[in-house]
């Protein structure tokens, strides 16, 4: 009998123990010829450009000289930022620095944080590479003191910066920040406190990304929208739209409405016949709420208290623990009844994950519909997300998402936040100081996004 979760199990490994993270010269040598090819699956032949390069190289060199400790807090809208950033810093930053007369004291590197789940389904190559390139594993919904100690040690000893995404996961949008976590600031403030006696400053370096597209990308946008229409059973002539964009934006709205209605039917949501019809965002919130409750019902367990993200991370971890069972390959030794019950529990978690994928995506899909005045970048972003709206509705996930390749990728470092200047306030009130600095980080991200969007329109 077909069991839908079996596909996930065959592509993942439950019994994963991450070896101690370290930087292997052999691994870097082996990865070097493949690194750009690997990035090409995300950005094609796009040119990668570092803005404010002289400023970033000078700050980065101070960290390499151990004059300070750097934590890179990067935006995560596209899903491939860590890979592209690592590739650029390891293989390109040294050449960029030379243009400004900056000679690094050692070869540049960065240590990224990644979720333990990557080791489960990343395949043998990922399980070999990740610990050997200095990447540090973390859990979202579990306390792992060994992992925390490794991260603290990496910050304290330097010289390489650690990099993490304060938004916690892929966000699908560049111009908004729906949620930002305090982890980056907590790591920075705690490190500043530990290093206070050594008089070593700690800074948080905001790092944003921006994909840029040429006018030729319009053809790909039309093609993607037509694909969404086919999925929705809507008959339109995309070739006519390629000659004129008259009905393009109406078609987007039509697809969006169709997909939302299908989700409302799926969850039995009564939209009612009110004099004041619900807005799109209110209807999406209703879908999110129902999908979350359906996940809890399948698992037979309520999400823990907290915001929507805390609940989602907790339920996601339960699903993984039920699907990728520790000791899974010794389950054959169990009596048949116990083995079958474990299979059923894994199958339920697989189905629960399909609802959680809706929760994950829909909280980001609340922006306004594009109009003729909307930039090409934002229109592409919206149509990509429209496709993903259909994708998640059909039971898909991030891996089955489709994107349009950029022509250029910009790395945009912001002004570093000196953590030590806030250490006295942190000692007085840890929570308030951490939240204030996190808000400062959010504002920097938004300012960078606004400036990048303005440049796009020029």
Protein backbone atom coordinates (compact mmCIF):
# COMPACT_ATOMS: atom_id res chain seq x y z
CA UNK A 1 0.00 0.00 0.00
CA UNK A 2 1.34 3.49 -0.89
CA UNK A 3 2.35 5.54 2.11
CA UNK A 4 2.94 9.21 1.22
CA UNK A 5 5.54 9.78 3.92
CA UNK A 6 7.77 7.01 2.53
CA UNK A 7 9.09 9.37 -0.14
CA UNK A 8 10.24 11.78 2.58
CA UNK A 9 11.83 8.96 4.55
CA UNK A 10 13.78 7.63 1.58
CA UNK A 11 15.19 11.10 0.97
CA UNK A 12 16.10 11.74 4.59
CA UNK A 13 18.09 10.15 7.36
CA UNK A 14 16.64 10.01 10.85
CA UNK A 15 19.69 8.96 12.83
CA UNK A 16 21.96 11.95 12.29
CA UNK A 17 24.62 12.99 14.73
CA UNK A 18 26.47 16.05 13.52
CA UNK A 19 30.22 15.72 13.83
CA UNK A 20 32.00 18.59 15.50
CA UNK A 21 32.05 21.64 13.27
CA UNK A 22 35.48 22.61 11.96
CA UNK A 23 37.00 24.25 8.89
CA UNK A 24 38.61 21.65 6.63
CA UNK A 25 41.00 22.87 3.94
CA UNK A 26 40.39 19.61 2.10
CA UNK A 27 36.63 20.25 2.04
CA UNK A 28 37.13 23.84 0.80
CA UNK A 29 39.46 22.60 -1.94
CA UNK A 30 36.94 19.95 -3.01
CA UNK A 31 34.01 22.38 -2.94
CA UNK A 32 35.77 25.19 -4.85
CA UNK A 33 35.24 23.90 -8.44
CA UNK A 34 31.61 23.03 -7.68
CA UNK A 35 30.63 26.07 -5.60
CA UNK A 36 29.69 28.40 -8.47
CA UNK A 37 27.87 25.61 -10.28
CA UNK A 38 25.91 24.96 -7.10
CA UNK A 39 24.99 28.65 -6.79
CA UNK A 40 23.98 28.66 -10.45
CA UNK A 41 20.91 26.58 -9.67
CA UNK A 42 19.66 29.56 -7.59
CA UNK A 43 20.89 32.56 -9.58
CA UNK A 44 21.90 31.18 -12.99
CA UNK A 45 24.64 33.26 -14.59
CA UNK A 46 23.77 36.37 -12.58
CA UNK A 47 26.60 38.74 -11.74
CA UNK A 48 27.18 39.12 -7.98
CA UNK A 49 28.04 42.58 -6.68
CA UNK A 50 28.99 43.77 -3.18
CA UNK A 51 27.79 47.30 -2.44
CA UNK A 52 29.59 49.50 0.11
CA UNK A 53 32.48 47.13 -0.53
CA UNK A 54 35.26 49.27 0.93
CA UNK A 55 33.36 49.75 4.19
CA UNK A 56 32.52 46.06 4.55
CA UNK A 57 36.05 44.89 3.69
CA UNK A 58 37.56 47.24 6.29
CA UNK A 59 35.15 46.04 8.99
CA UNK A 60 35.69 42.42 7.99
CA UNK A 61 39.49 42.81 8.09
CA UNK A 62 39.28 44.19 11.64
CA UNK A 63 37.47 40.99 12.62
CA UNK A 64 40.13 38.84 10.92
CA UNK A 65 42.80 40.73 12.88
CA UNK A 66 40.80 39.88 16.04
CA UNK A 67 40.38 43.56 16.85
CA UNK A 68 36.63 42.92 17.12
CA UNK A 69 34.06 40.16 16.76
CA UNK A 70 31.48 40.32 13.98
CA UNK A 71 28.05 38.71 13.72
CA UNK A 72 26.46 38.98 10.27
CA UNK A 73 22.67 39.25 10.50
CA UNK A 74 21.31 38.66 7.00
CA UNK A 75 17.90 38.97 5.37
CA UNK A 76 16.45 35.71 4.07
CA UNK A 77 13.81 36.46 1.37
CA UNK A 78 14.97 34.19 -1.43
CA UNK A 79 16.07 31.04 0.38
CA UNK A 80 19.61 30.79 -1.00
CA UNK A 81 21.32 33.69 0.79
CA UNK A 82 23.66 31.58 2.99
CA UNK A 83 25.08 29.65 0.03
CA UNK A 84 25.64 32.72 -2.14
CA UNK A 85 27.12 34.72 0.74
CA UNK A 86 29.53 31.93 1.70
CA UNK A 87 30.60 31.48 -1.91
CA UNK A 88 31.29 35.20 -2.34
CA UNK A 89 33.14 35.69 0.94
CA UNK A 90 35.31 32.58 0.57
CA UNK A 91 36.13 32.84 -3.12
CA UNK A 92 35.62 36.49 -4.15
CA UNK A 93 35.96 38.86 -1.19
CA UNK A 94 39.76 38.76 -1.13
CA UNK A 95 39.91 40.03 -4.72
CA UNK A 96 37.35 42.73 -3.96
CA UNK A 97 39.36 43.94 -0.96
CA UNK A 98 42.51 44.31 -3.04
CA UNK A 99 40.76 46.92 -5.20
CA UNK A 100 40.67 49.16 -2.12
CA UNK A 101 44.19 48.40 -0.96
CA UNK A 102 43.02 46.11 1.83
CA UNK A 103 45.05 42.96 2.33
CA UNK A 104 43.44 40.39 4.61
CA UNK A 105 45.63 38.83 7.28
CA UNK A 106 44.19 35.40 6.43
CA UNK A 107 41.89 33.89 3.86
CA UNK A 108 38.31 35.13 4.39
CA UNK A 109 35.63 32.82 5.69
CA UNK A 110 32.27 32.92 7.44
CA UNK A 111 30.56 30.38 9.71
CA UNK A 112 26.83 30.09 9.10
CA UNK A 113 24.15 28.68 11.36
CA UNK A 114 21.85 26.06 9.85
CA UNK A 115 18.97 23.89 11.04
CA UNK A 116 19.65 20.31 12.11
CA UNK A 117 16.93 19.18 9.70
CA UNK A 118 19.29 19.88 6.77
CA UNK A 119 21.41 16.95 7.92
CA UNK A 120 18.32 14.73 7.81
CA UNK A 121 17.27 15.30 4.21
CA UNK A 122 20.32 16.99 2.71
CA UNK A 123 21.81 13.76 1.43
CA UNK A 124 25.28 12.26 2.06
CA UNK A 125 27.07 15.20 0.39
CA UNK A 126 25.41 17.79 2.67
CA UNK A 127 26.13 15.64 5.73
CA UNK A 128 29.79 15.47 4.70
CA UNK A 129 30.21 19.12 3.74
CA UNK A 130 28.26 21.09 6.37
CA UNK A 131 30.36 20.21 9.45
CA UNK A 132 33.60 20.52 7.44
CA UNK A 133 33.00 24.08 6.26
CA UNK A 134 32.54 25.36 9.81
CA UNK A 135 28.73 25.56 9.68
CA UNK A 136 27.06 25.34 13.09
CA UNK A 137 23.79 23.37 13.56
CA UNK A 138 20.89 24.66 15.67
CA UNK A 139 17.34 23.67 16.56
CA UNK A 140 14.43 26.11 16.24
CA UNK A 141 12.20 24.48 18.81
CA UNK A 142 14.62 22.60 21.07
CA UNK A 143 17.26 23.64 23.55
CA UNK A 144 20.60 22.13 22.56
CA UNK A 145 23.23 23.34 25.02
CA UNK A 146 26.08 21.65 23.16
CA UNK A 147 25.20 23.58 20.03
CA UNK A 148 24.88 26.86 21.95
CA UNK A 149 28.31 26.34 23.48
CA UNK A 150 29.84 25.78 20.05
CA UNK A 151 28.30 29.00 18.73
CA UNK A 152 29.47 30.99 21.76
CA UNK A 153 32.95 29.55 21.34
CA UNK A 154 33.02 30.48 17.65
CA UNK A 155 32.11 34.08 18.49
CA UNK A 156 34.50 34.39 21.44
CA UNK A 157 37.52 32.93 19.68
CA UNK A 158 36.94 34.43 16.24
CA UNK A 159 38.35 35.44 13.90
CA UNK A 160 35.65 34.49 11.42
CA UNK A 161 32.20 36.06 11.72
CA UNK A 162 29.17 33.88 12.31
CA UNK A 163 26.15 34.51 10.07
CA UNK A 164 22.50 33.95 10.91
CA UNK A 165 19.07 35.02 9.67
CA UNK A 166 17.18 36.98 12.37
CA UNK A 167 13.92 36.36 10.50
CA UNK A 168 14.31 32.68 11.36
CA UNK A 169 13.37 31.25 7.96
CA UNK A 170 12.76 32.09 4.30
CA UNK A 171 10.41 35.08 4.10
CA UNK A 172 9.48 35.26 0.36
CA UNK A 173 9.42 39.08 0.40
CA UNK A 174 12.15 41.73 0.38
CA UNK A 175 10.31 44.95 1.19
CA UNK A 176 8.58 43.84 4.37
CA UNK A 177 9.64 42.21 7.61
CA UNK A 178 6.81 40.16 9.06
CA UNK A 179 8.76 38.72 11.96
CA UNK A 180 12.22 39.16 13.40
CA UNK A 181 13.74 37.19 16.25
CA UNK A 182 16.04 38.42 19.01
CA UNK A 183 18.62 35.65 18.57
CA UNK A 184 21.26 37.73 16.78
CA UNK A 185 21.19 40.42 19.47
CA UNK A 186 21.18 37.89 22.28
CA UNK A 187 24.28 36.23 20.84
CA UNK A 188 25.94 39.63 20.43
CA UNK A 189 25.10 41.01 23.88
CA UNK A 190 26.07 37.81 25.66
CA UNK A 191 29.37 37.71 23.77
CA UNK A 192 30.05 41.37 24.61
CA UNK A 193 29.49 40.56 28.27
CA UNK A 194 31.84 37.55 28.17
CA UNK A 195 34.55 39.54 26.33
CA UNK A 196 34.17 42.70 28.41
CA UNK A 197 37.30 42.11 30.47
CA UNK A 198 39.34 41.51 27.30
CA UNK A 199 38.18 44.85 25.87
CA UNK A 200 37.11 43.21 22.60
CA UNK A 201 34.13 44.95 20.93
CA UNK A 202 31.32 43.00 19.30
CA UNK A 203 29.27 44.31 16.37
CA UNK A 204 26.21 43.17 14.47
CA UNK A 205 26.56 43.69 10.71
CA UNK A 206 23.19 43.92 8.90
CA UNK A 207 23.37 42.28 5.50
CA UNK A 208 20.65 42.53 2.85
CA UNK A 209 20.23 40.95 -0.56
CA UNK A 210 18.53 42.20 -3.71
CA UNK A 211 17.86 40.38 -6.96
CA UNK A 212 17.77 42.54 -10.09
CA UNK A 213 16.05 41.63 -13.35
CA UNK A 214 16.35 42.83 -16.92
CA UNK A 215 13.35 43.81 -19.03
CA UNK A 216 13.55 40.40 -20.70
CA UNK A 217 12.23 38.91 -17.46
CA UNK A 218 8.71 40.11 -18.37
CA UNK A 219 8.38 37.19 -20.76
CA UNK A 220 9.17 34.79 -17.91
CA UNK A 221 6.62 36.52 -15.67
CA UNK A 222 3.89 36.00 -18.29
CA UNK A 223 4.94 32.38 -18.65
CA UNK A 224 4.78 31.77 -14.90
CA UNK A 225 1.37 33.42 -14.62
CA UNK A 226 0.12 31.23 -17.46
CA UNK A 227 1.38 28.21 -15.55
CA UNK A 228 -0.64 29.30 -12.52
CA UNK A 229 -3.73 29.71 -14.71
CA UNK A 230 -3.29 26.18 -16.05
CA UNK A 231 -3.06 24.84 -12.49
CA UNK A 232 -6.28 26.71 -11.68
CA UNK A 233 -8.07 25.62 -14.87
CA UNK A 234 -8.38 29.23 -16.07
CA UNK A 235 -8.27 29.68 -19.84
CA UNK A 236 -6.41 32.80 -21.00
CA UNK A 237 -4.16 33.62 -23.92
CA UNK A 238 -0.74 34.48 -22.51
CA UNK A 239 0.60 35.39 -25.99
CA UNK A 240 -1.91 38.23 -26.25
CA UNK A 241 -0.76 39.48 -22.86
CA UNK A 242 2.86 39.41 -24.01
CA UNK A 243 1.92 42.01 -26.61
CA UNK A 244 0.07 44.18 -24.12
CA UNK A 245 -0.27 44.09 -20.37
CA UNK A 246 -3.87 45.24 -20.30
CA UNK A 247 -5.42 42.30 -18.48
CA UNK A 248 -2.26 41.04 -16.78
CA UNK A 249 -3.08 42.41 -13.34
CA UNK A 250 -6.71 41.30 -13.53
CA UNK A 251 -5.49 37.79 -14.31
CA UNK A 252 -3.30 37.82 -11.19
CA UNK A 253 -6.26 38.80 -9.04
CA UNK A 254 -8.43 36.15 -10.65
CA UNK A 255 -5.89 33.40 -9.88
CA UNK A 256 -5.39 34.62 -6.34
CA UNK A 257 -9.15 34.61 -5.68
CA UNK A 258 -9.57 31.12 -7.13
CA UNK A 259 -6.79 29.64 -4.97
CA UNK A 260 -8.07 31.33 -1.83
CA UNK A 261 -11.62 30.05 -2.43
CA UNK A 262 -10.29 26.51 -2.81
CA UNK A 263 -8.57 26.80 0.57
CA UNK A 264 -11.75 28.16 2.16
CA UNK A 265 -13.64 25.16 0.80
CA UNK A 266 -10.93 22.82 2.00
CA UNK A 267 -11.16 24.06 5.58
CA UNK A 268 -14.91 24.64 5.55
CA UNK A 269 -14.55 28.35 6.20
CA UNK A 270 -17.85 30.22 6.11
CA UNK A 271 -17.15 33.62 4.56
CA UNK A 272 -20.76 34.67 5.23
CA UNK A 273 -22.86 37.22 3.38
CA UNK A 274 -21.93 40.26 5.43
CA UNK A 275 -22.63 43.78 4.24
CA UNK A 276 -18.91 44.38 4.73
CA UNK A 277 -17.07 41.51 3.00
CA UNK A 278 -13.82 40.37 4.59
CA UNK A 279 -10.58 41.66 3.11
CA UNK A 280 -8.16 39.29 1.41
CA UNK A 281 -5.81 39.45 4.40
CA UNK A 282 -8.60 38.63 6.85
CA UNK A 283 -9.56 35.63 4.74
CA UNK A 284 -5.93 34.48 4.60
CA UNK A 285 -5.74 34.80 8.40
CA UNK A 286 -8.76 32.52 8.66
CA UNK A 287 -7.01 29.95 6.45
CA UNK A 288 -3.87 30.18 8.62
CA UNK A 289 -5.90 29.65 11.78
CA UNK A 290 -7.74 26.64 10.35
CA UNK A 291 -4.55 25.08 8.95
CA UNK A 292 -2.86 25.44 12.33
CA UNK A 293 -5.80 23.86 14.15
CA UNK A 294 -5.96 21.03 11.59
CA UNK A 295 -2.26 20.33 12.26
CA UNK A 296 -2.92 20.17 16.00
CA UNK A 297 -5.89 17.87 15.49
CA UNK A 298 -3.90 15.42 13.35
CA UNK A 299 -1.02 15.34 15.82
CA UNK A 300 -3.36 15.24 18.81
CA UNK A 301 -1.30 17.92 20.50
CA UNK A 302 -1.73 21.64 21.01
CA UNK A 303 1.01 24.03 19.99
CA UNK A 304 2.83 25.63 22.86
CA UNK A 305 2.03 29.16 23.92
CA UNK A 306 3.59 32.03 22.00
CA UNK A 307 3.26 33.86 18.72
CA UNK A 308 2.35 32.19 15.46
CA UNK A 309 5.99 31.48 14.62
CA UNK A 310 6.66 29.81 17.97
CA UNK A 311 3.63 27.58 17.42
CA UNK A 312 4.67 26.74 13.87
CA UNK A 313 8.26 25.86 14.83
CA UNK A 314 7.05 23.66 17.66
CA UNK A 315 4.57 21.73 15.49
CA UNK A 316 7.11 21.44 12.68
CA UNK A 317 9.59 19.84 15.05
CA UNK A 318 6.92 17.35 16.23
CA UNK A 319 6.25 16.40 12.62
CA UNK A 320 9.93 15.83 11.88
CA UNK A 321 10.38 13.76 15.03
CA UNK A 322 7.42 11.57 14.02
CA UNK A 323 8.48 11.13 10.38
CA UNK A 324 12.24 10.83 10.82
CA UNK A 325 12.20 8.48 13.77
CA UNK A 326 15.47 7.95 15.69
CA UNK A 327 16.32 4.28 15.42
CA UNK A 328 14.10 4.07 12.33
CA UNK A 329 16.26 1.44 10.69
CA UNK A 330 15.89 -0.88 13.67
CA UNK A 331 12.08 -0.67 13.57
CA UNK A 332 11.97 -4.00 11.74
CA UNK A 333 12.85 -5.66 15.02
CA UNK A 334 9.61 -4.42 16.59
CA UNK A 335 6.46 -6.54 16.71
CA UNK A 336 4.32 -5.91 13.64
CA UNK A 337 1.65 -4.03 15.59
CA UNK A 338 4.17 -1.53 17.03
CA UNK A 339 5.88 -1.11 13.66
CA UNK A 340 2.56 -0.45 11.91
CA UNK A 341 1.55 2.10 14.55
CA UNK A 342 4.86 3.91 14.01
CA UNK A 343 4.15 3.94 10.27
CA UNK A 344 0.68 5.35 10.82
CA UNK A 345 2.02 8.03 13.15
CA UNK A 346 4.60 9.04 10.54
CA UNK A 347 1.91 9.17 7.88
CA UNK A 348 -0.24 11.43 10.04
CA UNK A 349 2.72 13.74 10.62
CA UNK A 350 3.37 13.88 6.86
CA UNK A 351 -0.23 14.98 6.26
CA UNK A 352 -0.04 17.44 9.16
CA UNK A 353 3.04 18.96 7.51
CA UNK A 354 1.00 19.75 4.38
CA UNK A 355 -1.26 22.00 6.46
CA UNK A 356 1.72 23.55 8.22
CA UNK A 357 3.20 24.48 4.85
CA UNK A 358 0.14 26.68 4.33
CA UNK A 359 0.74 28.36 7.69
CA UNK A 360 4.40 28.88 6.80
CA UNK A 361 3.74 30.56 3.46
CA UNK A 362 0.43 32.39 3.90
CA UNK A 363 1.61 34.69 6.68
CA UNK A 364 3.93 36.32 4.11
CA UNK A 365 1.39 36.46 1.27
CA UNK A 366 -0.55 39.52 2.34
CA UNK A 367 0.93 42.30 0.26
CA UNK A 368 -1.12 44.39 -2.19
CA UNK A 369 -1.76 43.20 -5.72
CA UNK A 370 0.68 44.57 -8.29
CA UNK A 371 -0.44 47.42 -10.53
CA UNK A 372 1.05 49.00 -13.68
CA UNK A 373 3.04 51.28 -11.34
CA UNK A 374 4.60 48.31 -9.49
CA UNK A 375 8.30 47.73 -10.24
CA UNK A 376 9.41 44.70 -12.24
CA UNK A 377 11.17 43.31 -9.16
CA UNK A 378 8.04 43.47 -7.00
CA UNK A 379 5.83 42.11 -9.79
CA UNK A 380 8.15 39.12 -10.21
CA UNK A 381 8.15 38.57 -6.47
CA UNK A 382 4.37 38.61 -6.34
CA UNK A 383 3.85 36.23 -9.29
CA UNK A 384 6.42 33.83 -7.83
CA UNK A 385 4.49 33.87 -4.58
CA UNK A 386 1.22 33.43 -6.44
CA UNK A 387 2.62 30.24 -7.93
CA UNK A 388 3.73 29.18 -4.45
CA UNK A 389 0.22 29.87 -3.13
CA UNK A 390 -1.05 27.25 -5.59
CA UNK A 391 1.93 25.01 -4.81
CA UNK A 392 1.25 24.95 -1.05
CA UNK A 393 -2.47 24.48 -1.67
CA UNK A 394 -1.62 21.32 -3.63
CA UNK A 395 0.54 19.98 -0.80
CA UNK A 396 3.86 21.33 -2.04
CA UNK A 397 6.69 22.87 -0.06
CA UNK A 398 9.67 25.19 -0.56
CA UNK A 399 11.52 22.68 -2.74
CA UNK A 400 8.70 22.68 -5.31
CA UNK A 401 8.58 26.48 -5.46
CA UNK A 402 9.51 28.09 -8.82
CA UNK A 403 11.52 31.27 -9.27
CA UNK A 404 12.77 33.52 -12.05
CA UNK A 405 16.55 33.82 -12.35
CA UNK A 406 17.97 37.32 -11.73
CA UNK A 407 20.45 39.10 -13.98
CA UNK A 408 22.35 40.58 -11.02
CA UNK A 409 22.55 39.95 -7.27
CA UNK A 410 23.47 42.72 -4.82
CA UNK A 411 24.89 42.20 -1.34
CA UNK A 412 24.17 45.29 0.75
CA UNK A 413 25.92 45.61 4.13
CA UNK A 414 24.38 48.16 6.48
CA UNK A 415 25.93 50.23 9.23
CA UNK A 416 27.31 47.97 11.94
CA UNK A 417 25.56 48.08 15.33
CA UNK A 418 28.17 48.38 18.15
CA UNK A 419 26.80 46.05 20.81
CA UNK A 420 29.17 47.10 23.60
CA UNK A 421 27.67 50.58 23.76
CA UNK A 422 24.48 48.95 25.08
CA UNK A 423 26.12 46.59 27.54
CA UNK A 424 25.36 48.71 30.64
CA UNK A 425 21.68 48.88 29.70
CA UNK A 426 21.70 45.14 29.02
CA UNK A 427 22.93 44.42 32.52
CA UNK A 428 20.06 46.46 33.91
CA UNK A 429 17.30 45.01 31.71
CA UNK A 430 18.24 42.17 29.37
CA UNK A 431 14.89 41.71 27.67
CA UNK A 432 14.18 45.39 26.99
CA UNK A 433 17.68 46.09 25.65
CA UNK A 434 17.64 43.02 23.41
CA UNK A 435 14.26 44.00 21.97
CA UNK A 436 15.32 47.61 21.40
CA UNK A 437 18.43 46.57 19.48
CA UNK A 438 16.41 44.05 17.49
CA UNK A 439 14.04 46.84 16.50
CA UNK A 440 17.05 48.93 15.46
CA UNK A 441 18.18 46.04 13.28
CA UNK A 442 14.70 45.83 11.74
CA UNK A 443 14.75 49.55 10.90
CA UNK A 444 18.12 49.20 9.19
CA UNK A 445 16.84 46.32 7.11
CA UNK A 446 13.76 48.31 6.06
CA UNK A 447 15.83 51.39 5.18
CA UNK A 448 18.12 49.26 3.01
CA UNK A 449 15.12 47.65 1.28
CA UNK A 450 13.54 51.05 0.61
CA UNK A 451 16.77 52.45 -0.85
CA UNK A 452 17.28 49.36 -3.02
CA UNK A 453 13.70 49.60 -4.29
CA UNK A 454 14.23 53.28 -5.12
CA UNK A 455 17.37 52.42 -7.13
CA UNK A 456 15.43 49.72 -8.97
CA UNK A 457 12.98 52.30 -10.28
CA UNK A 458 15.65 54.61 -11.66
